[in-house]
N, C-alpha and C. Protein backbone atom coordinates (compact mmCIF):
# COMPACT_ATOMS: atom_id res chain seq x y z
N MET A 1 -11.93 19.62 9.76
CA MET A 1 -11.56 20.27 8.11
C MET A 1 -11.45 19.15 7.08
N LEU A 2 -12.02 19.74 6.02
CA LEU A 2 -12.11 18.90 4.76
C LEU A 2 -10.95 19.11 3.77
N PHE A 3 -10.37 18.59 3.34
CA PHE A 3 -9.30 18.56 2.35
C PHE A 3 -9.53 17.93 1.16
N GLY A 4 -9.36 18.39 -0.08
CA GLY A 4 -9.87 18.01 -1.29
C GLY A 4 -8.97 17.08 -1.31
N ASN A 5 -8.10 16.54 -0.95
CA ASN A 5 -7.34 15.32 -1.47
C ASN A 5 -7.89 13.93 -0.54
N VAL A 6 -8.77 14.13 0.14
CA VAL A 6 -8.98 13.16 0.80
C VAL A 6 -10.54 12.68 0.41
N VAL A 7 -10.90 11.62 0.10
CA VAL A 7 -12.28 10.73 -0.42
C VAL A 7 -12.62 9.92 0.98
N GLN A 8 -13.84 10.15 1.05
CA GLN A 8 -14.33 9.66 2.46
C GLN A 8 -16.09 9.15 2.02
N PRO A 9 -16.13 7.97 1.56
CA PRO A 9 -17.19 7.60 1.13
C PRO A 9 -17.72 6.81 2.13
N GLN A 10 -19.25 6.81 2.36
CA GLN A 10 -20.03 5.90 3.26
C GLN A 10 -19.66 4.16 2.79
N ARG A 11 -19.83 3.40 3.65
CA ARG A 11 -19.45 2.04 3.33
C ARG A 11 -20.75 1.61 2.06
N GLU A 12 -21.97 2.15 2.27
CA GLU A 12 -22.91 1.60 1.54
C GLU A 12 -22.75 2.41 0.14
N GLU A 13 -22.37 3.41 -0.04
CA GLU A 13 -21.99 4.07 -1.11
C GLU A 13 -20.57 3.20 -2.27
N MET A 14 -19.90 2.91 -1.29
CA MET A 14 -18.82 1.93 -1.82
C MET A 14 -19.38 0.81 -2.34
N LEU A 15 -20.04 0.07 -1.66
CA LEU A 15 -20.70 -1.34 -2.04
C LEU A 15 -21.97 -1.28 -2.90
N THR A 16 -22.28 -0.11 -3.51
CA THR A 16 -23.51 -0.05 -4.39
C THR A 16 -23.30 0.65 -5.57
N GLY A 17 -21.88 1.61 -5.76
CA GLY A 17 -21.51 2.34 -6.79
C GLY A 17 -20.83 3.47 -6.68
N PHE A 18 -19.59 3.12 -6.21
CA PHE A 18 -18.57 4.25 -5.74
C PHE A 18 -18.19 4.79 -6.97
N PRO A 19 -18.71 6.14 -7.40
CA PRO A 19 -18.39 6.93 -8.77
C PRO A 19 -17.14 6.90 -9.22
N LEU A 20 -15.94 6.81 -8.34
CA LEU A 20 -14.60 6.92 -8.64
C LEU A 20 -14.28 5.73 -9.10
N LYS A 21 -14.65 4.50 -8.96
CA LYS A 21 -14.31 3.41 -9.45
C LYS A 21 -14.32 3.10 -10.87
N GLY A 22 -12.95 2.86 -11.32
CA GLY A 22 -12.85 2.79 -12.90
C GLY A 22 -12.33 4.27 -13.40
N ASN A 23 -12.46 5.48 -12.50
CA ASN A 23 -12.44 6.90 -13.19
C ASN A 23 -11.62 7.66 -12.21
N TRP A 24 -10.66 7.02 -11.39
CA TRP A 24 -10.02 7.99 -10.40
C TRP A 24 -8.96 8.48 -11.54
N ASN A 25 -8.36 8.07 -12.80
CA ASN A 25 -7.36 9.22 -13.65
C ASN A 25 -8.50 10.33 -13.98
N ARG A 26 -9.44 9.76 -14.75
CA ARG A 26 -10.15 10.77 -15.42
C ARG A 26 -10.95 11.64 -14.25
N ASP A 27 -11.52 11.44 -13.49
CA ASP A 27 -12.02 12.20 -12.40
C ASP A 27 -11.35 12.89 -11.46
N PHE A 28 -10.43 12.34 -10.98
CA PHE A 28 -9.70 13.19 -9.45
C PHE A 28 -8.36 13.44 -10.09
N PHE A 29 -7.31 12.57 -10.56
CA PHE A 29 -6.05 12.99 -10.97
C PHE A 29 -6.13 13.93 -12.16
N LYS A 30 -7.16 13.91 -13.33
CA LYS A 30 -6.89 14.38 -14.32
C LYS A 30 -5.83 14.27 -15.29
N ASN A 31 -5.39 12.76 -15.19
CA ASN A 31 -4.38 12.71 -16.12
C ASN A 31 -4.34 11.00 -16.31
N ASP A 32 -3.28 10.53 -17.09
CA ASP A 32 -3.54 8.81 -17.33
C ASP A 32 -2.19 8.23 -16.72
N ASN A 33 -1.75 8.81 -15.67
CA ASN A 33 -0.62 7.90 -14.94
C ASN A 33 -0.95 6.84 -14.31
N PRO A 34 0.11 6.07 -14.12
CA PRO A 34 0.12 4.92 -13.03
C PRO A 34 -0.49 5.09 -11.66
N ILE A 35 -1.31 4.40 -11.30
CA ILE A 35 -1.91 4.42 -9.78
C ILE A 35 -1.32 3.44 -8.83
N VAL A 36 -0.73 4.08 -7.81
CA VAL A 36 -0.09 3.28 -6.92
C VAL A 36 -0.78 3.33 -5.49
N LEU A 37 -1.32 2.44 -4.83
CA LEU A 37 -1.88 2.37 -3.60
C LEU A 37 -0.99 2.18 -2.65
N GLU A 38 -1.05 2.47 -1.09
CA GLU A 38 -0.78 2.21 0.22
C GLU A 38 -1.49 1.83 1.09
N LEU A 39 -1.66 0.32 1.21
CA LEU A 39 -2.76 0.20 2.03
C LEU A 39 -2.28 0.07 3.79
N GLY A 40 -3.19 0.59 4.67
CA GLY A 40 -3.04 0.95 6.00
C GLY A 40 -1.80 1.98 5.88
N CYS A 41 -2.18 2.96 5.59
CA CYS A 41 -0.69 4.07 5.31
C CYS A 41 -0.93 4.88 6.59
N GLY A 42 -1.49 4.71 7.51
CA GLY A 42 -1.10 5.75 8.79
C GLY A 42 -0.97 6.88 8.63
N LYS A 43 0.09 7.45 8.67
CA LYS A 43 -0.04 9.09 8.81
C LYS A 43 0.36 9.49 7.59
N GLY A 44 0.20 8.38 6.52
CA GLY A 44 0.70 8.90 5.25
C GLY A 44 2.18 9.10 4.66
N GLU A 45 3.09 8.96 5.68
CA GLU A 45 4.27 9.35 5.37
C GLU A 45 4.86 8.66 4.17
N TYR A 46 4.89 7.38 3.93
CA TYR A 46 5.36 6.42 2.91
C TYR A 46 4.62 7.02 1.62
N THR A 47 3.14 7.15 1.93
CA THR A 47 2.32 7.78 0.63
C THR A 47 3.27 9.19 -0.01
N ILE A 48 3.24 9.90 0.82
CA ILE A 48 3.79 11.25 0.46
C ILE A 48 5.21 11.18 0.07
N ALA A 49 5.97 10.29 0.45
CA ALA A 49 7.74 10.18 0.29
C ALA A 49 7.78 9.62 -1.30
N LEU A 50 6.75 8.81 -1.51
CA LEU A 50 6.59 8.15 -2.86
C LEU A 50 6.48 8.89 -3.85
N ALA A 51 5.47 9.85 -3.46
CA ALA A 51 4.81 10.59 -4.47
C ALA A 51 5.65 11.89 -4.99
N GLU A 52 6.75 11.99 -4.01
CA GLU A 52 7.61 13.11 -4.03
C GLU A 52 8.61 12.50 -5.04
N LYS A 53 9.28 11.06 -4.44
CA LYS A 53 10.15 10.28 -5.79
C LYS A 53 9.85 10.03 -6.90
N PHE A 54 8.47 9.89 -7.04
CA PHE A 54 7.90 9.24 -8.60
C PHE A 54 6.65 10.24 -9.01
N PRO A 55 6.77 11.53 -9.10
CA PRO A 55 5.74 12.61 -10.02
C PRO A 55 5.21 12.25 -10.91
N GLN A 56 5.67 11.33 -11.88
CA GLN A 56 4.87 10.76 -13.00
C GLN A 56 4.04 9.64 -12.66
N LYS A 57 3.65 9.29 -11.47
CA LYS A 57 2.59 8.40 -10.87
C LYS A 57 2.07 8.97 -9.67
N ASN A 58 0.54 8.31 -9.66
CA ASN A 58 -0.54 9.09 -8.90
C ASN A 58 -0.39 7.89 -7.61
N PHE A 59 -0.52 8.24 -6.45
CA PHE A 59 -0.60 7.54 -5.20
C PHE A 59 -1.70 8.19 -4.62
N ILE A 60 -2.12 6.80 -3.61
CA ILE A 60 -3.31 6.78 -2.85
C ILE A 60 -3.16 5.99 -1.34
N GLY A 61 -3.12 6.60 -0.72
CA GLY A 61 -3.33 6.19 0.82
C GLY A 61 -4.64 5.91 0.98
N ILE A 62 -4.63 4.62 1.64
CA ILE A 62 -5.68 3.96 1.90
C ILE A 62 -5.54 3.73 3.76
N ASP A 63 -6.69 4.08 4.55
CA ASP A 63 -6.62 3.92 5.85
C ASP A 63 -8.26 3.88 6.36
N ILE A 64 -8.74 3.19 7.14
CA ILE A 64 -10.09 3.66 7.75
C ILE A 64 -10.22 4.71 8.69
N LYS A 65 -9.26 5.07 9.49
CA LYS A 65 -8.75 5.94 10.44
C LYS A 65 -8.59 7.22 9.57
N GLY A 66 -9.09 8.05 9.43
CA GLY A 66 -8.96 9.42 8.89
C GLY A 66 -8.02 10.51 9.58
N ALA A 67 -8.26 10.39 11.05
CA ALA A 67 -7.26 10.98 11.90
C ALA A 67 -5.90 10.68 11.68
N ARG A 68 -5.68 9.61 11.35
CA ARG A 68 -4.01 8.82 11.14
C ARG A 68 -3.49 9.66 9.70
N PHE A 69 -4.31 9.90 8.88
CA PHE A 69 -3.72 10.44 7.36
C PHE A 69 -3.58 11.99 7.39
N TRP A 70 -4.48 12.49 8.26
CA TRP A 70 -4.79 13.95 8.55
C TRP A 70 -3.21 14.93 7.88
N ARG A 71 -2.31 13.97 8.96
CA ARG A 71 -1.08 15.05 8.57
C ARG A 71 -0.57 14.96 7.10
N GLY A 72 -0.70 13.52 6.61
CA GLY A 72 -0.44 13.61 5.14
C GLY A 72 -0.88 14.17 4.15
N ALA A 73 -2.37 14.45 4.36
CA ALA A 73 -3.16 15.07 3.48
C ALA A 73 -2.63 16.32 3.29
N LYS A 74 -2.56 17.35 4.66
CA LYS A 74 -2.33 18.05 5.01
C LYS A 74 -0.77 18.78 4.18
N THR A 75 0.06 17.66 4.48
CA THR A 75 1.31 17.94 4.22
C THR A 75 1.27 18.28 2.50
N ALA A 76 0.36 17.21 1.70
CA ALA A 76 0.42 17.29 0.50
C ALA A 76 -0.23 18.46 -0.15
N LEU A 77 -1.04 19.08 0.32
CA LEU A 77 -1.87 20.33 -0.06
C LEU A 77 -0.94 21.41 -0.03
N GLU A 78 -0.04 21.35 1.39
CA GLU A 78 0.85 22.56 1.41
C GLU A 78 1.66 22.65 0.42
N ASN A 79 2.26 21.41 0.11
CA ASN A 79 3.42 21.13 -1.08
C ASN A 79 2.72 21.28 -2.32
N GLY A 80 1.64 21.40 -2.64
CA GLY A 80 1.05 21.76 -3.85
C GLY A 80 1.26 19.92 -4.62
N MET A 81 1.21 19.00 -3.95
CA MET A 81 1.24 17.84 -4.84
C MET A 81 0.16 17.38 -5.14
N LYS A 82 -0.16 17.07 -6.68
CA LYS A 82 -1.42 16.89 -7.40
C LYS A 82 -1.65 15.34 -7.53
N ASN A 83 -0.62 14.54 -7.43
CA ASN A 83 -0.53 13.13 -7.58
C ASN A 83 -0.84 12.57 -6.11
N VAL A 84 -1.28 13.16 -5.41
CA VAL A 84 -1.58 12.24 -3.97
C VAL A 84 -2.77 12.49 -3.32
N ALA A 85 -3.55 11.48 -2.97
CA ALA A 85 -5.04 11.31 -2.87
C ALA A 85 -5.18 10.21 -1.46
N PHE A 86 -6.04 10.54 -0.65
CA PHE A 86 -6.20 9.96 0.42
C PHE A 86 -7.57 9.07 0.60
N LEU A 87 -7.91 7.75 0.59
CA LEU A 87 -9.25 7.23 0.88
C LEU A 87 -9.43 6.79 2.33
N ARG A 88 -10.42 7.00 2.58
CA ARG A 88 -10.82 6.48 3.93
C ARG A 88 -11.95 5.61 3.76
N THR A 89 -11.69 4.22 3.84
CA THR A 89 -12.14 2.84 3.75
C THR A 89 -11.76 2.13 4.37
N GLN A 90 -12.47 0.81 4.31
CA GLN A 90 -11.96 -0.24 4.98
C GLN A 90 -11.01 -1.30 3.89
N ILE A 91 -9.93 -1.75 4.18
CA ILE A 91 -9.13 -2.46 2.96
C ILE A 91 -10.02 -3.90 2.43
N GLU A 92 -10.78 -4.10 3.24
CA GLU A 92 -11.47 -5.53 2.81
C GLU A 92 -12.15 -5.34 1.91
N ILE A 93 -12.91 -3.75 1.23
CA ILE A 93 -13.46 -3.63 0.41
C ILE A 93 -12.96 -2.95 -0.78
N VAL A 94 -11.39 -2.90 -0.86
CA VAL A 94 -10.75 -2.09 -1.92
C VAL A 94 -11.05 -2.54 -3.06
N ASP A 95 -11.62 -3.82 -3.23
CA ASP A 95 -12.16 -4.25 -4.70
C ASP A 95 -13.17 -3.46 -5.18
N PHE A 96 -14.21 -2.83 -4.14
CA PHE A 96 -15.14 -1.71 -4.48
C PHE A 96 -14.55 -0.27 -4.97
N ALA A 97 -13.58 -0.33 -4.90
CA ALA A 97 -12.94 1.44 -4.63
C ALA A 97 -12.08 1.33 -6.18
N PHE A 98 -11.81 0.41 -6.70
CA PHE A 98 -11.04 0.39 -8.09
C PHE A 98 -11.47 -0.65 -8.82
N ALA A 99 -11.62 -0.37 -10.21
CA ALA A 99 -11.87 -1.14 -11.21
C ALA A 99 -10.72 -2.15 -11.58
N GLU A 100 -11.12 -3.34 -12.37
CA GLU A 100 -10.04 -4.26 -12.93
C GLU A 100 -9.12 -3.42 -13.60
N ASN A 101 -7.68 -3.73 -13.50
CA ASN A 101 -6.70 -3.14 -14.25
C ASN A 101 -6.39 -1.65 -14.01
N GLU A 102 -7.16 -1.10 -12.93
CA GLU A 102 -6.91 0.12 -12.69
C GLU A 102 -5.86 0.78 -11.82
N VAL A 103 -5.21 -0.09 -11.07
CA VAL A 103 -4.06 -0.18 -10.25
C VAL A 103 -2.69 -0.85 -10.64
N SER A 104 -1.60 -0.16 -10.69
CA SER A 104 -0.23 -0.65 -11.38
C SER A 104 0.48 -1.30 -10.18
N GLU A 105 0.59 -0.53 -8.80
CA GLU A 105 1.19 -1.36 -7.66
C GLU A 105 0.59 -1.21 -6.45
N ILE A 106 0.83 -1.86 -5.54
CA ILE A 106 0.17 -2.08 -3.88
C ILE A 106 1.44 -2.05 -3.12
N TRP A 107 1.48 -1.08 -2.56
CA TRP A 107 2.44 -1.07 -1.00
C TRP A 107 1.65 -1.71 -0.06
N ILE A 108 2.34 -2.31 1.24
CA ILE A 108 1.75 -2.69 2.19
C ILE A 108 2.92 -2.48 3.37
N THR A 109 2.72 -1.34 4.07
CA THR A 109 3.87 -0.92 4.81
C THR A 109 3.53 -1.43 6.19
N PHE A 110 4.49 -2.10 7.06
CA PHE A 110 4.31 -2.32 8.38
C PHE A 110 2.94 -2.58 8.82
N PRO A 111 1.99 -3.54 8.21
CA PRO A 111 1.02 -3.91 8.68
C PRO A 111 1.07 -4.74 9.94
N ASP A 112 -0.15 -4.73 10.85
CA ASP A 112 -0.27 -5.59 12.19
C ASP A 112 -0.33 -7.26 11.31
N PRO A 113 0.74 -7.91 12.05
CA PRO A 113 1.20 -9.27 11.46
C PRO A 113 -0.23 -10.13 11.81
N GLN A 114 -0.86 -9.79 12.77
CA GLN A 114 -1.78 -10.75 13.13
C GLN A 114 -1.54 -12.01 13.60
N ILE A 115 -0.55 -12.18 14.51
CA ILE A 115 0.33 -13.38 14.93
C ILE A 115 -0.88 -14.53 15.41
N LYS A 116 -1.99 -14.28 16.12
CA LYS A 116 -2.96 -15.44 16.63
C LYS A 116 -3.48 -16.01 15.49
N PHE A 117 -3.37 -17.38 15.38
CA PHE A 117 -4.08 -18.01 14.53
C PHE A 117 -5.42 -17.68 14.22
N ARG A 118 -6.43 -17.75 14.89
CA ARG A 118 -7.70 -16.93 14.81
C ARG A 118 -7.81 -15.62 14.31
N ARG A 119 -6.60 -14.78 14.16
CA ARG A 119 -6.75 -13.45 13.22
C ARG A 119 -6.08 -13.47 11.85
N THR A 120 -5.69 -14.63 11.66
CA THR A 120 -4.96 -15.09 10.12
C THR A 120 -5.88 -14.45 8.94
N LYS A 121 -7.04 -14.33 9.03
CA LYS A 121 -8.11 -13.77 7.76
C LYS A 121 -7.71 -12.27 7.71
N HIS A 122 -7.38 -11.65 8.76
CA HIS A 122 -7.05 -10.21 8.83
C HIS A 122 -5.74 -9.95 8.11
N ARG A 123 -4.78 -10.88 8.24
CA ARG A 123 -3.74 -10.56 7.55
C ARG A 123 -3.66 -9.95 6.00
N LEU A 124 -3.17 -8.67 5.56
CA LEU A 124 -3.19 -7.99 4.82
C LEU A 124 -2.91 -8.78 3.55
N THR A 125 -1.85 -10.11 3.91
CA THR A 125 -1.50 -10.73 2.52
C THR A 125 -1.99 -12.32 2.56
N HIS A 126 -3.42 -12.44 3.24
CA HIS A 126 -3.99 -13.60 3.56
C HIS A 126 -4.50 -13.83 1.77
N PRO A 127 -4.70 -14.93 1.75
CA PRO A 127 -4.97 -15.40 -0.08
C PRO A 127 -6.62 -14.71 -0.10
N ASP A 128 -7.39 -14.25 0.51
CA ASP A 128 -8.25 -13.62 0.40
C ASP A 128 -8.26 -12.14 0.54
N PHE A 129 -7.11 -11.68 0.53
CA PHE A 129 -7.01 -10.08 0.04
C PHE A 129 -6.25 -10.43 -1.10
N LEU A 130 -5.25 -11.08 -1.18
CA LEU A 130 -4.32 -11.37 -2.25
C LEU A 130 -5.39 -11.25 -3.78
N ARG A 131 -6.24 -12.26 -3.62
CA ARG A 131 -7.44 -12.21 -4.75
C ARG A 131 -8.16 -10.89 -4.87
N LYS A 132 -8.59 -10.10 -3.90
CA LYS A 132 -8.72 -8.73 -4.07
C LYS A 132 -8.13 -7.73 -4.67
N TYR A 133 -6.78 -7.91 -4.57
CA TYR A 133 -5.63 -7.15 -5.13
C TYR A 133 -5.61 -7.41 -6.64
N HIS A 134 -5.44 -9.02 -6.80
CA HIS A 134 -5.64 -9.76 -8.14
C HIS A 134 -6.67 -8.68 -8.99
N GLN A 135 -7.66 -8.52 -8.54
CA GLN A 135 -8.85 -8.20 -9.42
C GLN A 135 -8.64 -6.34 -9.77
N ILE A 136 -7.93 -5.87 -9.18
CA ILE A 136 -7.75 -4.40 -9.49
C ILE A 136 -6.51 -3.96 -9.86
N LEU A 137 -5.37 -5.00 -10.13
CA LEU A 137 -4.10 -4.59 -10.18
C LEU A 137 -4.12 -4.87 -12.05
N HIS A 138 -3.51 -4.26 -12.90
CA HIS A 138 -3.26 -4.67 -14.25
C HIS A 138 -2.26 -5.89 -14.31
N GLU A 139 -1.88 -6.25 -15.52
CA GLU A 139 -1.59 -7.74 -15.63
C GLU A 139 -0.10 -7.54 -14.74
N LYS A 140 0.67 -6.44 -15.09
CA LYS A 140 1.98 -6.69 -14.55
C LYS A 140 2.00 -5.91 -13.68
N GLY A 141 0.88 -5.86 -12.85
CA GLY A 141 1.09 -5.27 -11.30
C GLY A 141 1.93 -5.85 -10.36
N ILE A 142 2.62 -5.28 -9.25
CA ILE A 142 3.39 -5.85 -8.46
C ILE A 142 2.88 -5.49 -6.85
N VAL A 143 3.04 -6.50 -5.81
CA VAL A 143 2.82 -5.89 -4.48
C VAL A 143 4.19 -5.63 -3.73
N HIS A 144 4.34 -4.92 -3.00
CA HIS A 144 5.46 -4.60 -1.82
C HIS A 144 5.21 -5.06 -0.59
N LEU A 145 5.63 -5.71 0.02
CA LEU A 145 5.58 -5.64 1.72
C LEU A 145 6.49 -5.50 2.18
N LYS A 146 6.71 -4.12 3.10
CA LYS A 146 7.97 -3.92 3.96
C LYS A 146 7.20 -4.06 5.34
N THR A 147 8.13 -5.05 6.22
CA THR A 147 7.48 -4.98 7.34
C THR A 147 8.91 -4.99 8.40
N ASP A 148 8.34 -5.10 9.67
CA ASP A 148 9.42 -5.45 10.74
C ASP A 148 9.39 -6.90 11.23
N SER A 149 8.34 -7.34 10.51
CA SER A 149 7.64 -8.61 11.17
C SER A 149 8.64 -9.81 10.44
N GLU A 150 9.42 -10.72 10.84
CA GLU A 150 10.06 -11.48 10.16
C GLU A 150 8.89 -12.99 10.05
N PHE A 151 7.94 -12.95 10.99
CA PHE A 151 7.04 -13.74 11.10
C PHE A 151 5.88 -13.67 9.64
N LEU A 152 5.71 -12.35 9.58
CA LEU A 152 4.71 -11.90 8.40
C LEU A 152 5.36 -12.42 7.22
N HIS A 153 6.82 -11.57 7.04
CA HIS A 153 7.49 -11.95 5.93
C HIS A 153 7.49 -13.50 5.51
N GLY A 154 7.67 -14.48 6.52
CA GLY A 154 7.65 -15.68 6.24
C GLY A 154 6.39 -16.28 5.64
N TYR A 155 5.57 -15.94 6.49
CA TYR A 155 4.24 -16.24 5.99
C TYR A 155 3.64 -16.02 4.73
N THR A 156 3.76 -14.78 4.33
CA THR A 156 3.51 -14.14 2.99
C THR A 156 4.36 -15.05 2.06
N HIS A 157 5.86 -15.11 2.15
CA HIS A 157 6.37 -15.81 1.06
C HIS A 157 6.20 -17.25 1.02
N GLY A 158 5.50 -17.92 2.04
CA GLY A 158 4.97 -19.28 1.91
C GLY A 158 3.49 -19.32 1.31
N ILE A 159 2.73 -18.21 1.41
CA ILE A 159 1.66 -18.29 0.66
C ILE A 159 1.52 -17.92 -0.94
N ILE A 160 2.88 -17.18 -0.95
CA ILE A 160 3.01 -16.77 -2.35
C ILE A 160 3.31 -17.98 -3.45
N GLN A 161 3.87 -18.68 -2.66
CA GLN A 161 4.80 -20.16 -3.79
C GLN A 161 3.46 -20.89 -3.40
N ALA A 162 2.84 -21.00 -2.45
CA ALA A 162 1.99 -22.07 -2.05
C ALA A 162 0.60 -21.99 -3.34
N GLU A 163 0.38 -20.75 -3.71
CA GLU A 163 -0.72 -20.16 -4.32
C GLU A 163 -0.28 -19.98 -5.82
N GLY A 164 0.93 -20.20 -6.03
CA GLY A 164 1.25 -20.17 -7.58
C GLY A 164 1.71 -18.92 -8.07
N HIS A 165 2.08 -17.96 -7.13
CA HIS A 165 2.46 -16.52 -7.60
C HIS A 165 3.77 -16.45 -7.77
N GLN A 166 4.51 -15.49 -7.84
CA GLN A 166 5.98 -15.46 -8.25
C GLN A 166 6.64 -14.31 -7.23
N VAL A 167 7.53 -14.59 -6.45
CA VAL A 167 8.47 -13.71 -5.79
C VAL A 167 9.33 -13.28 -6.58
N LEU A 168 9.45 -11.78 -6.39
CA LEU A 168 9.98 -11.03 -7.55
C LEU A 168 11.61 -10.70 -6.72
N LEU A 169 11.47 -10.49 -5.52
CA LEU A 169 12.65 -9.88 -4.43
C LEU A 169 11.98 -10.07 -3.00
N SER A 170 13.26 -11.01 -2.26
CA SER A 170 13.14 -11.22 -0.87
C SER A 170 14.20 -10.81 -0.48
N ASN A 171 14.25 -9.56 0.84
CA ASN A 171 15.07 -9.74 1.63
C ASN A 171 14.71 -9.24 3.13
N HIS A 172 15.70 -10.16 4.19
CA HIS A 172 15.42 -9.96 5.05
C HIS A 172 16.00 -9.12 6.22
N ASN A 173 16.82 -7.95 5.31
CA ASN A 173 17.05 -6.85 6.65
C ASN A 173 17.83 -6.06 5.27
N VAL A 174 16.96 -5.19 4.85
CA VAL A 174 17.11 -4.24 3.84
C VAL A 174 18.27 -3.37 4.06
N TYR A 175 18.54 -3.08 5.61
CA TYR A 175 19.51 -2.21 5.75
C TYR A 175 20.85 -2.94 6.08
N HIS A 176 21.05 -3.92 5.84
CA HIS A 176 22.30 -4.85 5.98
C HIS A 176 23.35 -3.95 4.99
N PRO A 177 24.63 -3.56 5.08
CA PRO A 177 25.53 -2.93 4.55
C PRO A 177 25.99 -3.78 3.30
N ASP A 178 25.41 -4.98 3.19
CA ASP A 178 25.72 -5.88 2.10
C ASP A 178 24.75 -5.33 1.11
N ASN A 179 23.92 -4.91 1.21
CA ASN A 179 22.81 -4.63 0.02
C ASN A 179 23.24 -3.44 -0.73
N ARG A 180 23.60 -3.52 -1.89
CA ARG A 180 24.14 -2.80 -2.92
C ARG A 180 22.82 -2.36 -3.90
N GLU A 181 21.92 -3.34 -4.19
CA GLU A 181 21.35 -3.12 -5.55
C GLU A 181 19.56 -3.13 -5.19
N LEU A 182 19.31 -2.69 -4.19
CA LEU A 182 18.08 -2.57 -3.70
C LEU A 182 17.25 -1.41 -4.07
N PRO A 183 16.37 -1.07 -4.89
CA PRO A 183 15.56 0.10 -5.11
C PRO A 183 15.68 0.82 -3.86
N GLN A 184 15.93 2.51 -4.36
CA GLN A 184 16.11 3.31 -3.30
C GLN A 184 15.03 3.63 -2.42
N GLU A 185 13.52 3.43 -2.82
CA GLU A 185 12.37 3.53 -2.29
C GLU A 185 12.23 2.76 -1.00
N ILE A 186 12.95 1.71 -1.19
CA ILE A 186 13.04 0.70 -0.08
C ILE A 186 13.79 1.03 0.98
N THR A 187 14.96 1.60 0.95
CA THR A 187 16.16 2.27 1.81
C THR A 187 15.90 3.57 2.38
N SER A 188 15.13 4.52 1.37
CA SER A 188 15.53 6.11 1.71
C SER A 188 14.29 6.38 2.46
N ILE A 189 13.65 5.67 2.50
CA ILE A 189 11.89 6.12 3.05
C ILE A 189 11.99 5.47 4.53
N GLN A 190 11.86 6.25 5.75
CA GLN A 190 11.68 5.79 6.61
C GLN A 190 10.38 6.35 7.67
N THR A 191 9.11 5.84 8.09
CA THR A 191 8.32 6.36 8.65
C THR A 191 8.64 6.30 10.15
N PHE A 192 7.80 7.02 10.83
CA PHE A 192 8.19 7.37 12.43
C PHE A 192 8.65 5.79 13.16
N TYR A 193 7.46 5.01 13.00
CA TYR A 193 7.49 3.78 13.31
C TYR A 193 8.58 2.87 12.87
N GLU A 194 8.94 2.88 11.71
CA GLU A 194 10.11 2.08 11.33
C GLU A 194 11.32 2.40 11.76
N GLN A 195 11.39 3.80 12.28
CA GLN A 195 12.81 4.26 12.88
C GLN A 195 13.04 3.69 14.29
N LYS A 196 11.48 3.77 14.90
CA LYS A 196 11.55 3.10 16.51
C LYS A 196 11.98 1.53 16.30
N PHE A 197 11.18 0.89 15.13
CA PHE A 197 11.82 -0.52 15.03
C PHE A 197 13.22 -0.67 15.20
N LEU A 198 14.10 -0.03 14.26
CA LEU A 198 15.31 0.11 13.85
C LEU A 198 16.09 0.41 15.11
N GLU A 199 15.45 1.33 16.22
CA GLU A 199 16.29 1.93 17.06
C GLU A 199 16.00 0.64 18.27
N ASN A 200 15.02 -0.16 18.07
CA ASN A 200 15.03 -1.25 19.28
C ASN A 200 15.51 -2.75 18.32
N GLY A 201 16.54 -2.49 17.50
CA GLY A 201 17.20 -3.79 17.00
C GLY A 201 16.69 -4.65 15.92
N LYS A 202 15.35 -4.22 15.32
CA LYS A 202 14.63 -5.19 14.79
C LYS A 202 15.06 -5.05 12.97
N ASN A 203 15.36 -6.12 12.52
CA ASN A 203 15.64 -5.82 11.08
C ASN A 203 14.05 -5.77 10.25
N ILE A 204 14.50 -5.14 9.30
CA ILE A 204 13.32 -4.53 8.24
C ILE A 204 13.57 -5.43 7.29
N THR A 205 12.43 -6.38 6.85
CA THR A 205 12.47 -6.99 5.62
C THR A 205 11.28 -6.50 4.82
N TYR A 206 11.54 -7.14 3.57
CA TYR A 206 10.72 -6.61 2.16
C TYR A 206 10.59 -7.83 1.20
N LEU A 207 9.52 -7.90 0.73
CA LEU A 207 8.90 -8.48 -0.52
C LEU A 207 8.45 -8.08 -1.53
N ARG A 208 8.74 -8.30 -2.82
CA ARG A 208 8.05 -7.76 -3.83
C ARG A 208 7.64 -9.05 -4.51
N PHE A 209 6.19 -8.96 -4.96
CA PHE A 209 5.63 -10.35 -6.08
C PHE A 209 4.75 -9.75 -6.52
N SER A 210 4.43 -10.80 -7.70
CA SER A 210 3.02 -10.50 -8.62
C SER A 210 2.22 -11.68 -8.33
N LEU A 211 0.99 -11.49 -9.00
CA LEU A 211 0.27 -12.34 -8.38
C LEU A 211 -0.44 -13.14 -9.78
N ASN A 212 -0.61 -14.38 -10.05
CA ASN A 212 -0.67 -15.19 -10.93
C ASN A 212 -1.91 -16.04 -10.79
N TYR A 213 -2.91 -15.73 -11.34
CA TYR A 213 -4.13 -16.59 -11.23
C TYR A 213 -4.48 -17.31 -12.58
């Protein structure tokens, strides 16, 4: 089934001249609202929930496996949500999908922490990925990391400091009862897997940062 809110370019098209690069607002959303990405969006649960909370922004869920976000795309269409899109592509070429300053925020929700050393370069907060994000984020753009992995949280925090970027907010347990000032979108949205992590007694961590090169 083809959905009008799903974009599925071939890799060659992405690398040689993706027509929506720099033109998402004009040609897809038909407005000038800020664009927010969710990388590795899975079923699209977070993308959909954020879009419901912030109708004045445009949201794009990105994943290489279209079958994962089929449910999210269908939900968006059923609910008439004009501020939601899904892009089927590899995250390592995200800089070919968006132009400089085209994106205002990036959400990375529960990615594979790639704990083994040889998998370091595949972590979505590896410096190579951060440079790609910087290319497409506007000057005041921010990145959100929400994860059940204390390891990934600590790794990312260290990378941000070592690379000279700025940590804006760091929390090791977003559902701790003493947390009273966390933005609602951090605690009021729970994906299926996040609920499973909580049932298994895992803490959910959050990191917000900006990229300064």
